[in-house]
Amino acid sequence: MKWPLRIAAAVATAYALLCGVVLAAMMQTPERFGQFMTYVPEPVVWGLAPGERLWRWARAGRLHVGDEAPDFSLRSQSGSARVTLSAFRGQRPVVLVFGSYT
C-alpha cells in the first residue's frame, strides 16, 4: 500500500511543480514567456496544466475601475518625439487603442 501512495504523491508534486513553473513564466514579460514557450510544448501548458486559468490569473493586473492609469511614454507616429500620458492629465480625456489594422 505504500507504493501507490508514494507514486500518487510524486505525481501530485510533479504536477504542482509544473504548474508553478508555468505560472512563474506567465508572470514574466511577454518576450520572456515567448522564450519559455520555445522550449515547452504547447499541449503541456494549455492541455496538461490549467494554462488558461493560470494565464488569466497571471495577467489580471492590479488596476481597478476608477484607478488612475500608470504613466508611460511612447514614440509619436512620426517617430520624432515622445508622447507621455501624464502630459494630458487634467486637460482632456485620452483614448488608447492597441491593435493591428493590417
PDB file of N, CA and C in Angstrom:
ATOM      1  N   MET A   1       0.813  -1.202   0.000  1.00  0.00           N
ATOM      2  CA  MET A   1       0.000   0.000   0.000  1.00  0.00           C
ATOM      3  C   MET A   1       0.854   1.262   0.000  1.00  0.00           C
ATOM      4  N   LYS A   2       2.107   1.167   0.414  1.00  0.00           N
ATOM      5  CA  LYS A   2       2.975   2.338   0.454  1.00  0.00           C
ATOM      6  C   LYS A   2       3.320   2.829  -0.949  1.00  0.00           C
ATOM      7  N   TRP A   3       3.560   1.921  -1.884  1.00  0.00           N
ATOM      8  CA  TRP A   3       3.996   2.316  -3.226  1.00  0.00           C
ATOM      9  C   TRP A   3       2.962   3.139  -3.972  1.00  0.00           C
ATOM     10  N   PRO A   4       1.697   2.751  -3.970  1.00  0.00           N
ATOM     11  CA  PRO A   4       0.712   3.600  -4.669  1.00  0.00           C
ATOM     12  C   PRO A   4       0.626   5.009  -4.077  1.00  0.00           C
ATOM     13  N   LEU A   5       0.741   5.121  -2.754  1.00  0.00           N
ATOM     14  CA  LEU A   5       0.711   6.436  -2.132  1.00  0.00           C
ATOM     15  C   LEU A   5       1.929   7.256  -2.501  1.00  0.00           C
ATOM     16  N   ARG A   6       3.086   6.643  -2.554  1.00  0.00           N
ATOM     17  CA  ARG A   6       4.310   7.342  -2.941  1.00  0.00           C
ATOM     18  C   ARG A   6       4.249   7.788  -4.401  1.00  0.00           C
ATOM     19  N   ILE A   7       3.726   6.921  -5.254  1.00  0.00           N
ATOM     20  CA  ILE A   7       3.599   7.277  -6.670  1.00  0.00           C
ATOM     21  C   ILE A   7       2.610   8.429  -6.829  1.00  0.00           C
ATOM     22  N   ALA A   8       1.481   8.358  -6.130  1.00  0.00           N
ATOM     23  CA  ALA A   8       0.488   9.437  -6.196  1.00  0.00           C
ATOM     24  C   ALA A   8       1.078  10.749  -5.680  1.00  0.00           C
ATOM     25  N   ALA A   9       1.845  10.688  -4.603  1.00  0.00           N
ATOM     26  CA  ALA A   9       2.478  11.887  -4.055  1.00  0.00           C
ATOM     27  C   ALA A   9       3.505  12.457  -5.027  1.00  0.00           C
ATOM     28  N   ALA A  10       4.272  11.575  -5.685  1.00  0.00           N
ATOM     29  CA  ALA A  10       5.267  12.032  -6.657  1.00  0.00           C
ATOM     30  C   ALA A  10       4.597  12.685  -7.864  1.00  0.00           C
ATOM     31  N   VAL A  11       3.511  12.099  -8.336  1.00  0.00           N
ATOM     32  CA  VAL A  11       2.780  12.671  -9.473  1.00  0.00           C
ATOM     33  C   VAL A  11       2.182  14.023  -9.085  1.00  0.00           C
ATOM     34  N   ALA A  12       1.585  14.110  -7.903  1.00  0.00           N
ATOM     35  CA  ALA A  12       0.999  15.376  -7.451  1.00  0.00           C
ATOM     36  C   ALA A  12       2.064  16.454  -7.289  1.00  0.00           C
ATOM     37  N   THR A  13       3.227  16.073  -6.766  1.00  0.00           N
ATOM     38  CA  THR A  13       4.322  17.022  -6.606  1.00  0.00           C
ATOM     39  C   THR A  13       4.833  17.493  -7.957  1.00  0.00           C
ATOM     40  N   ALA A  14       4.991  16.570  -8.909  1.00  0.00           N
ATOM     41  CA  ALA A  14       5.457  16.934 -10.245  1.00  0.00           C
ATOM     42  C   ALA A  14       4.454  17.857 -10.927  1.00  0.00           C
ATOM     43  N   TYR A  15       3.163  17.597 -10.771  1.00  0.00           N
ATOM     44  CA  TYR A  15       2.128  18.435 -11.374  1.00  0.00           C
ATOM     45  C   TYR A  15       2.135  19.834 -10.749  1.00  0.00           C
ATOM     46  N   ALA A  16       2.263  19.909  -9.433  1.00  0.00           N
ATOM     47  CA  ALA A  16       2.324  21.204  -8.753  1.00  0.00           C
ATOM     48  C   ALA A  16       3.556  21.982  -9.192  1.00  0.00           C
ATOM     49  N   LEU A  17       4.683  21.294  -9.355  1.00  0.00           N
ATOM     50  CA  LEU A  17       5.904  21.940  -9.821  1.00  0.00           C
ATOM     51  C   LEU A  17       5.726  22.458 -11.241  1.00  0.00           C
ATOM     52  N   LEU A  18       5.120  21.662 -12.116  1.00  0.00           N
ATOM     53  CA  LEU A  18       4.852  22.087 -13.491  1.00  0.00           C
ATOM     54  C   LEU A  18       3.980  23.337 -13.498  1.00  0.00           C
ATOM     55  N   CYS A  19       2.898  23.328 -12.735  1.00  0.00           N
ATOM     56  CA  CYS A  19       2.005  24.487 -12.687  1.00  0.00           C
ATOM     57  C   CYS A  19       2.718  25.721 -12.138  1.00  0.00           C
ATOM     58  N   GLY A  20       3.561  25.526 -11.148  1.00  0.00           N
ATOM     59  CA  GLY A  20       4.318  26.644 -10.585  1.00  0.00           C
ATOM     60  C   GLY A  20       5.297  27.241 -11.577  1.00  0.00           C
ATOM     61  N   VAL A  21       5.989  26.385 -12.329  1.00  0.00           N
ATOM     62  CA  VAL A  21       6.941  26.865 -13.332  1.00  0.00           C
ATOM     63  C   VAL A  21       6.206  27.601 -14.447  1.00  0.00           C
ATOM     64  N   VAL A  22       5.091  27.051 -14.903  1.00  0.00           N
ATOM     65  CA  VAL A  22       4.304  27.704 -15.960  1.00  0.00           C
ATOM     66  C   VAL A  22       3.779  29.050 -15.473  1.00  0.00           C
ATOM     67  N   LEU A  23       3.266  29.103 -14.255  1.00  0.00           N
ATOM     68  CA  LEU A  23       2.764  30.360 -13.696  1.00  0.00           C
ATOM     69  C   LEU A  23       3.886  31.384 -13.578  1.00  0.00           C
ATOM     70  N   ALA A  24       5.046  30.969 -13.099  1.00  0.00           N
ATOM     71  CA  ALA A  24       6.180  31.891 -12.983  1.00  0.00           C
ATOM     72  C   ALA A  24       6.581  32.432 -14.352  1.00  0.00           C
ATOM     73  N   ALA A  25       6.550  31.595 -15.373  1.00  0.00           N
ATOM     74  CA  ALA A  25       6.880  32.044 -16.727  1.00  0.00           C
ATOM     75  C   ALA A  25       5.828  33.017 -17.247  1.00  0.00           C
ATOM     76  N   MET A  26       4.559  32.761 -16.959  1.00  0.00           N
ATOM     77  CA  MET A  26       3.487  33.634 -17.427  1.00  0.00           C
ATOM     78  C   MET A  26       3.526  35.008 -16.776  1.00  0.00           C
ATOM     79  N   MET A  27       4.107  35.102 -15.600  1.00  0.00           N
ATOM     80  CA  MET A  27       4.180  36.383 -14.905  1.00  0.00           C
ATOM     81  C   MET A  27       5.338  37.242 -15.384  1.00  0.00           C
ATOM     82  N   GLN A  28       6.170  36.711 -16.265  1.00  0.00           N
ATOM     83  CA  GLN A  28       7.273  37.468 -16.845  1.00  0.00           C
ATOM     84  C   GLN A  28       6.750  38.337 -17.989  1.00  0.00           C
ATOM     85  N   THR A  29       7.639  39.095 -18.599  1.00  0.00           N
ATOM     86  CA  THR A  29       7.266  39.899 -19.756  1.00  0.00           C
ATOM     87  C   THR A  29       6.863  38.971 -20.892  1.00  0.00           C
ATOM     88  N   PRO A  30       6.076  39.457 -21.845  1.00  0.00           N
ATOM     89  CA  PRO A  30       5.693  38.610 -22.972  1.00  0.00           C
ATOM     90  C   PRO A  30       6.892  38.036 -23.732  1.00  0.00           C
ATOM     91  N   GLU A  31       7.964  38.796 -23.836  1.00  0.00           N
ATOM     92  CA  GLU A  31       9.154  38.296 -24.525  1.00  0.00           C
ATOM     93  C   GLU A  31       9.756  37.102 -23.795  1.00  0.00           C
ATOM     94  N   ARG A  32       9.863  37.201 -22.485  1.00  0.00           N
ATOM     95  CA  ARG A  32      10.431  36.094 -21.705  1.00  0.00           C
ATOM     96  C   ARG A  32       9.516  34.881 -21.719  1.00  0.00           C
ATOM     97  N   PHE A  33       8.185  35.115 -21.678  1.00  0.00           N
ATOM     98  CA  PHE A  33       7.263  33.999 -21.757  1.00  0.00           C
ATOM     99  C   PHE A  33       7.374  33.331 -23.125  1.00  0.00           C
ATOM    100  N   GLY A  34       7.558  34.116 -24.167  1.00  0.00           N
ATOM    101  CA  GLY A  34       7.760  33.549 -25.507  1.00  0.00           C
ATOM    102  C   GLY A  34       8.999  32.683 -25.570  1.00  0.00           C
ATOM    103  N   GLN A  35      10.074  33.120 -24.916  1.00  0.00           N
ATOM    104  CA  GLN A  35      11.293  32.304 -24.864  1.00  0.00           C
ATOM    105  C   GLN A  35      11.031  30.999 -24.127  1.00  0.00           C
ATOM    106  N   PHE A  36      10.274  31.055 -23.063  1.00  0.00           N
ATOM    107  CA  PHE A  36       9.911  29.850 -22.308  1.00  0.00           C
ATOM    108  C   PHE A  36       9.134  28.891 -23.197  1.00  0.00           C
ATOM    109  N   MET A  37       8.180  29.433 -23.960  1.00  0.00           N
ATOM    110  CA  MET A  37       7.323  28.595 -24.800  1.00  0.00           C
ATOM    111  C   MET A  37       8.078  27.964 -25.974  1.00  0.00           C
ATOM    112  N   THR A  38       9.260  28.480 -26.324  1.00  0.00           N
ATOM    113  CA  THR A  38      10.029  27.828 -27.385  1.00  0.00           C
ATOM    114  C   THR A  38      10.576  26.486 -26.920  1.00  0.00           C
ATOM    115  N   TYR A  39      10.667  26.290 -25.613  1.00  0.00           N
ATOM    116  CA  TYR A  39      11.218  25.049 -25.074  1.00  0.00           C
ATOM    117  C   TYR A  39      10.157  24.097 -24.520  1.00  0.00           C
ATOM    118  N   VAL A  40       8.945  24.579 -24.328  1.00  0.00           N
ATOM    119  CA  VAL A  40       7.893  23.759 -23.726  1.00  0.00           C
ATOM    120  C   VAL A  40       6.792  23.531 -24.753  1.00  0.00           C
ATOM    121  N   PRO A  41       6.411  22.297 -25.012  1.00  0.00           N
ATOM    122  CA  PRO A  41       5.333  22.049 -25.975  1.00  0.00           C
ATOM    123  C   PRO A  41       4.013  22.676 -25.527  1.00  0.00           C
ATOM    124  N   GLU A  42       3.283  23.278 -26.457  1.00  0.00           N
ATOM    125  CA  GLU A  42       2.011  23.920 -26.128  1.00  0.00           C
ATOM    126  C   GLU A  42       1.010  22.992 -25.455  1.00  0.00           C
ATOM    127  N   PRO A  43       0.891  21.719 -25.874  1.00  0.00           N
ATOM    128  CA  PRO A  43      -0.076  20.848 -25.184  1.00  0.00           C
ATOM    129  C   PRO A  43       0.217  20.661 -23.696  1.00  0.00           C
ATOM    130  N   VAL A  44       1.475  20.820 -23.306  1.00  0.00           N
ATOM    131  CA  VAL A  44       1.812  20.705 -21.879  1.00  0.00           C
ATOM    132  C   VAL A  44       1.254  21.894 -21.117  1.00  0.00           C
ATOM    133  N   VAL A  45       1.409  23.098 -21.681  1.00  0.00           N
ATOM    134  CA  VAL A  45       0.965  24.314 -20.991  1.00  0.00           C
ATOM    135  C   VAL A  45      -0.548  24.468 -21.050  1.00  0.00           C
ATOM    136  N   TRP A  46      -1.125  24.295 -22.238  1.00  0.00           N
ATOM    137  CA  TRP A  46      -2.546  24.578 -22.430  1.00  0.00           C
ATOM    138  C   TRP A  46      -3.432  23.343 -22.283  1.00  0.00           C
ATOM    139  N   GLY A  47      -2.841  22.168 -22.199  1.00  0.00           N
ATOM    140  CA  GLY A  47      -3.626  20.950 -22.061  1.00  0.00           C
ATOM    141  C   GLY A  47      -3.428  20.277 -20.722  1.00  0.00           C
ATOM    142  N   LEU A  48      -2.178  19.933 -20.424  1.00  0.00           N
ATOM    143  CA  LEU A  48      -1.879  19.230 -19.172  1.00  0.00           C
ATOM    144  C   LEU A  48      -2.023  20.160 -17.966  1.00  0.00           C
ATOM    145  N   ALA A  49      -1.395  21.322 -18.051  1.00  0.00           N
ATOM    146  CA  ALA A  49      -1.518  22.310 -16.977  1.00  0.00           C
ATOM    147  C   ALA A  49      -2.772  23.146 -17.242  1.00  0.00           C
ATOM    148  N   PRO A  50      -3.347  23.741 -16.225  1.00  0.00           N
ATOM    149  CA  PRO A  50      -4.522  24.599 -16.448  1.00  0.00           C
ATOM    150  C   PRO A  50      -4.090  25.963 -16.987  1.00  0.00           C
ATOM    151  N   GLY A  51      -3.545  25.964 -18.205  1.00  0.00           N
ATOM    152  CA  GLY A  51      -2.921  27.144 -18.784  1.00  0.00           C
ATOM    153  C   GLY A  51      -3.814  28.362 -18.863  1.00  0.00           C
ATOM    154  N   GLU A  52      -5.050  28.187 -19.307  1.00  0.00           N
ATOM    155  CA  GLU A  52      -5.932  29.341 -19.461  1.00  0.00           C
ATOM    156  C   GLU A  52      -6.218  30.003 -18.113  1.00  0.00           C
ATOM    157  N   ARG A  53      -6.489  29.198 -17.109  1.00  0.00           N
ATOM    158  CA  ARG A  53      -6.764  29.740 -15.780  1.00  0.00           C
ATOM    159  C   ARG A  53      -5.518  30.425 -15.204  1.00  0.00           C
ATOM    160  N   LEU A  54      -4.360  29.796 -15.380  1.00  0.00           N
ATOM    161  CA  LEU A  54      -3.121  30.407 -14.900  1.00  0.00           C
ATOM    162  C   LEU A  54      -2.848  31.717 -15.639  1.00  0.00           C
ATOM    163  N   TRP A  55      -3.105  31.746 -16.948  1.00  0.00           N
ATOM    164  CA  TRP A  55      -2.864  32.942 -17.747  1.00  0.00           C
ATOM    165  C   TRP A  55      -3.746  34.100 -17.264  1.00  0.00           C
ATOM    166  N   ARG A  56      -5.029  33.832 -17.050  1.00  0.00           N
ATOM    167  CA  ARG A  56      -5.926  34.885 -16.572  1.00  0.00           C
ATOM    168  C   ARG A  56      -5.500  35.403 -15.205  1.00  0.00           C
ATOM    169  N   TRP A  57      -5.034  34.506 -14.344  1.00  0.00           N
ATOM    170  CA  TRP A  57      -4.600  34.927 -13.017  1.00  0.00           C
ATOM    171  C   TRP A  57      -3.309  35.737 -13.097  1.00  0.00           C
ATOM    172  N   ALA A  58      -2.351  35.285 -13.924  1.00  0.00           N
ATOM    173  CA  ALA A  58      -1.055  35.955 -14.031  1.00  0.00           C
ATOM    174  C   ALA A  58      -1.173  37.320 -14.689  1.00  0.00           C
ATOM    175  N   ARG A  59      -2.120  37.479 -15.609  1.00  0.00           N
ATOM    176  CA  ARG A  59      -2.257  38.730 -16.367  1.00  0.00           C
ATOM    177  C   ARG A  59      -3.442  39.574 -15.926  1.00  0.00           C
ATOM    178  N   ALA A  60      -3.985  39.310 -14.736  1.00  0.00           N
ATOM    179  CA  ALA A  60      -5.169  40.037 -14.282  1.00  0.00           C
ATOM    180  C   ALA A  60      -4.883  41.524 -14.078  1.00  0.00           C
ATOM    181  N   GLY A  61      -3.672  41.868 -13.730  1.00  0.00           N
ATOM    182  CA  GLY A  61      -3.339  43.266 -13.495  1.00  0.00           C
ATOM    183  C   GLY A  61      -3.746  43.713 -12.106  1.00  0.00           C
ATOM    184  N   ARG A  62      -3.395  44.933 -11.810  1.00  0.00           N
ATOM    185  CA  ARG A  62      -3.675  45.453 -10.485  1.00  0.00           C
ATOM    186  C   ARG A  62      -4.546  46.710 -10.523  1.00  0.00           C
ATOM    187  N   LEU A  63      -4.949  47.139 -11.715  1.00  0.00           N
ATOM    188  CA  LEU A  63      -5.794  48.319 -11.829  1.00  0.00           C
ATOM    189  C   LEU A  63      -7.257  47.937 -11.659  1.00  0.00           C
ATOM    190  N   HIS A  64      -8.004  48.853 -11.088  1.00  0.00           N
ATOM    191  CA  HIS A  64      -9.433  48.662 -10.901  1.00  0.00           C
ATOM    192  C   HIS A  64     -10.158  49.859 -11.508  1.00  0.00           C
ATOM    193  N   VAL A  65     -11.438  49.716 -11.734  1.00  0.00           N
ATOM    194  CA  VAL A  65     -12.236  50.800 -12.285  1.00  0.00           C
ATOM    195  C   VAL A  65     -12.090  52.021 -11.384  1.00  0.00           C
ATOM    196  N   GLY A  66     -11.775  53.150 -11.989  1.00  0.00           N
ATOM    197  CA  GLY A  66     -11.607  54.391 -11.235  1.00  0.00           C
ATOM    198  C   GLY A  66     -10.171  54.693 -10.866  1.00  0.00           C
ATOM    199  N   ASP A  67      -9.261  53.716 -10.978  1.00  0.00           N
ATOM    200  CA  ASP A  67      -7.850  53.967 -10.678  1.00  0.00           C
ATOM    201  C   ASP A  67      -7.239  54.848 -11.755  1.00  0.00           C
ATOM    202  N   GLU A  68      -6.245  55.611 -11.365  1.00  0.00           N
ATOM    203  CA  GLU A  68      -5.513  56.436 -12.325  1.00  0.00           C
ATOM    204  C   GLU A  68      -4.601  55.547 -13.155  1.00  0.00           C
ATOM    205  N   ALA A  69      -4.572  55.795 -14.450  1.00  0.00           N
ATOM    206  CA  ALA A  69      -3.722  54.994 -15.338  1.00  0.00           C
ATOM    207  C   ALA A  69      -2.259  55.254 -15.019  1.00  0.00           C
ATOM    208  N   PRO A  70      -1.426  54.219 -15.078  1.00  0.00           N
ATOM    209  CA  PRO A  70       0.004  54.438 -14.836  1.00  0.00           C
ATOM    210  C   PRO A  70       0.613  55.250 -15.975  1.00  0.00           C
ATOM    211  N   ASP A  71       1.580  56.057 -15.650  1.00  0.00           N
ATOM    212  CA  ASP A  71       2.224  56.898 -16.659  1.00  0.00           C
ATOM    213  C   ASP A  71       3.127  56.054 -17.555  1.00  0.00           C
ATOM    214  N   PHE A  72       3.177  56.410 -18.810  1.00  0.00           N
ATOM    215  CA  PHE A  72       4.075  55.756 -19.759  1.00  0.00           C
ATOM    216  C   PHE A  72       4.397  56.724 -20.876  1.00  0.00           C
ATOM    217  N   SER A  73       5.404  56.373 -21.646  1.00  0.00           N
ATOM    218  CA  SER A  73       5.865  57.217 -22.738  1.00  0.00           C
ATOM    219  C   SER A  73       6.011  56.371 -23.996  1.00  0.00           C
ATOM    220  N   LEU A  74       5.565  56.915 -25.131  1.00  0.00           N
ATOM    221  CA  LEU A  74       5.660  56.237 -26.420  1.00  0.00           C
ATOM    222  C   LEU A  74       6.191  57.202 -27.467  1.00  0.00           C
ATOM    223  N   ARG A  75       6.732  56.642 -28.554  1.00  0.00           N
ATOM    224  CA  ARG A  75       7.141  57.484 -29.682  1.00  0.00           C
ATOM    225  C   ARG A  75       5.900  57.963 -30.419  1.00  0.00           C
ATOM    226  N   SER A  76       5.969  59.156 -30.981  1.00  0.00           N
ATOM    227  CA  SER A  76       4.863  59.655 -31.792  1.00  0.00           C
ATOM    228  C   SER A  76       4.805  58.881 -33.102  1.00  0.00           C
ATOM    229  N   GLN A  77       3.722  59.066 -33.872  1.00  0.00           N
ATOM    230  CA  GLN A  77       3.592  58.358 -35.135  1.00  0.00           C
ATOM    231  C   GLN A  77       4.739  58.676 -36.078  1.00  0.00           C
ATOM    232  N   SER A  78       5.204  59.902 -36.052  1.00  0.00           N
ATOM    233  CA  SER A  78       6.316  60.274 -36.932  1.00  0.00           C
ATOM    234  C   SER A  78       7.647  59.740 -36.418  1.00  0.00           C
ATOM    235  N   GLY A  79       7.685  59.396 -35.139  1.00  0.00           N
ATOM    236  CA  GLY A  79       8.905  58.859 -34.543  1.00  0.00           C
ATOM    237  C   GLY A  79       9.886  59.932 -34.112  1.00  0.00           C
ATOM    238  N   SER A  80       9.523  61.194 -34.290  1.00  0.00           N
ATOM    239  CA  SER A  80      10.456  62.275 -33.977  1.00  0.00           C
ATOM    240  C   SER A  80      10.356  62.770 -32.538  1.00  0.00           C
ATOM    241  N   ALA A  81       9.285  62.419 -31.842  1.00  0.00           N
ATOM    242  CA  ALA A  81       9.097  62.906 -30.476  1.00  0.00           C
ATOM    243  C   ALA A  81       8.537  61.782 -29.611  1.00  0.00           C
ATOM    244  N   ARG A  82       8.534  62.050 -28.305  1.00  0.00           N
ATOM    245  CA  ARG A  82       7.941  61.109 -27.366  1.00  0.00           C
ATOM    246  C   ARG A  82       6.701  61.753 -26.759  1.00  0.00           C
ATOM    247  N   VAL A  83       5.661  60.960 -26.588  1.00  0.00           N
ATOM    248  CA  VAL A  83       4.414  61.425 -26.002  1.00  0.00           C
ATOM    249  C   VAL A  83       4.247  60.709 -24.665  1.00  0.00           C
ATOM    250  N   THR A  84       3.991  61.483 -23.630  1.00  0.00           N
ATOM    251  CA  THR A  84       3.830  60.933 -22.284  1.00  0.00           C
ATOM    252  C   THR A  84       2.392  61.125 -21.830  1.00  0.00           C
ATOM    253  N   LEU A  85       1.806  60.092 -21.253  1.00  0.00           N
ATOM    254  CA  LEU A  85       0.416  60.154 -20.824  1.00  0.00           C
ATOM    255  C   LEU A  85       0.202  61.251 -19.795  1.00  0.00           C
ATOM    256  N   SER A  86       1.135  61.438 -18.884  1.00  0.00           N
ATOM    257  CA  SER A  86       0.952  62.429 -17.825  1.00  0.00           C
ATOM    258  C   SER A  86       0.866  63.848 -18.373  1.00  0.00           C
ATOM    259  N   ALA A  87       1.328  64.083 -19.591  1.00  0.00           N
ATOM    260  CA  ALA A  87       1.230  65.416 -20.187  1.00  0.00           C
ATOM    261  C   ALA A  87      -0.218  65.796 -20.472  1.00  0.00           C
ATOM    262  N   PHE A  88      -1.121  64.826 -20.564  1.00  0.00           N
ATOM    263  CA  PHE A  88      -2.526  65.083 -20.868  1.00  0.00           C
ATOM    264  C   PHE A  88      -3.407  65.078 -19.626  1.00  0.00           C
ATOM    265  N   ARG A  89      -2.865  64.758 -18.466  1.00  0.00           N
ATOM    266  CA  ARG A  89      -3.679  64.683 -17.249  1.00  0.00           C
ATOM    267  C   ARG A  89      -4.320  66.018 -16.930  1.00  0.00           C
ATOM    268  N   GLY A  90      -5.612  65.976 -16.669  1.00  0.00           N
ATOM    269  CA  GLY A  90      -6.337  67.173 -16.293  1.00  0.00           C
ATOM    270  C   GLY A  90      -6.745  68.043 -17.464  1.00  0.00           C
ATOM    271  N   GLN A  91      -6.343  67.702 -18.696  1.00  0.00           N
ATOM    272  CA  GLN A  91      -6.675  68.532 -19.852  1.00  0.00           C
ATOM    273  C   GLN A  91      -7.904  68.026 -20.581  1.00  0.00           C
ATOM    274  N   ARG A  92      -7.868  66.771 -20.990  1.00  0.00           N
ATOM    275  CA  ARG A  92      -8.974  66.193 -21.763  1.00  0.00           C
ATOM    276  C   ARG A  92      -8.891  64.675 -21.663  1.00  0.00           C
ATOM    277  N   PRO A  93      -9.977  64.000 -21.983  1.00  0.00           N
ATOM    278  CA  PRO A  93      -9.939  62.530 -21.951  1.00  0.00           C
ATOM    279  C   PRO A  93      -8.986  61.980 -23.015  1.00  0.00           C
ATOM    280  N   VAL A  94      -8.346  60.878 -22.693  1.00  0.00           N
ATOM    281  CA  VAL A  94      -7.422  60.222 -23.614  1.00  0.00           C
ATOM    282  C   VAL A  94      -7.938  58.815 -23.872  1.00  0.00           C
ATOM    283  N   VAL A  95      -8.022  58.442 -25.141  1.00  0.00           N
ATOM    284  CA  VAL A  95      -8.451  57.100 -25.514  1.00  0.00           C
ATOM    285  C   VAL A  95      -7.260  56.393 -26.138  1.00  0.00           C
ATOM    286  N   LEU A  96      -6.923  55.232 -25.622  1.00  0.00           N
ATOM    287  CA  LEU A  96      -5.813  54.436 -26.154  1.00  0.00           C
ATOM    288  C   LEU A  96      -6.368  53.249 -26.900  1.00  0.00           C
ATOM    289  N   VAL A  97      -5.901  53.060 -28.116  1.00  0.00           N
ATOM    290  CA  VAL A  97      -6.337  51.921 -28.929  1.00  0.00           C
ATOM    291  C   VAL A  97      -5.098  51.130 -29.299  1.00  0.00           C
ATOM    292  N   PHE A  98      -5.080  49.855 -28.907  1.00  0.00           N
ATOM    293  CA  PHE A  98      -3.967  48.974 -29.232  1.00  0.00           C
ATOM    294  C   PHE A  98      -4.482  47.903 -30.171  1.00  0.00           C
ATOM    295  N   GLY A  99      -3.744  47.630 -31.203  1.00  0.00           N
ATOM    296  CA  GLY A  99      -4.161  46.584 -32.124  1.00  0.00           C
ATOM    297  C   GLY A  99      -3.500  46.775 -33.468  1.00  0.00           C
ATOM    298  N   SER A 100      -3.845  45.912 -34.350  1.00  0.00           N
ATOM    299  CA  SER A 100      -3.293  45.950 -35.699  1.00  0.00           C
ATOM    300  C   SER A 100      -4.425  46.149 -36.689  1.00  0.00           C
ATOM    301  N   TYR A 101      -4.213  47.002 -37.622  1.00  0.00           N
ATOM    302  CA  TYR A 101      -5.223  47.253 -38.657  1.00  0.00           C
ATOM    303  C   TYR A 101      -4.797  46.695 -39.997  1.00  0.00           C
ATOM    304  N   THR A 102      -3.869  45.763 -39.982  1.00  0.00           N
ATOM    305  CA  THR A 102      -3.419  45.179 -41.253  1.00  0.00           C
ATOM    306  C   THR A 102      -4.165  43.913 -41.538  1.00  0.00           C
TER     307      THR A 102
END
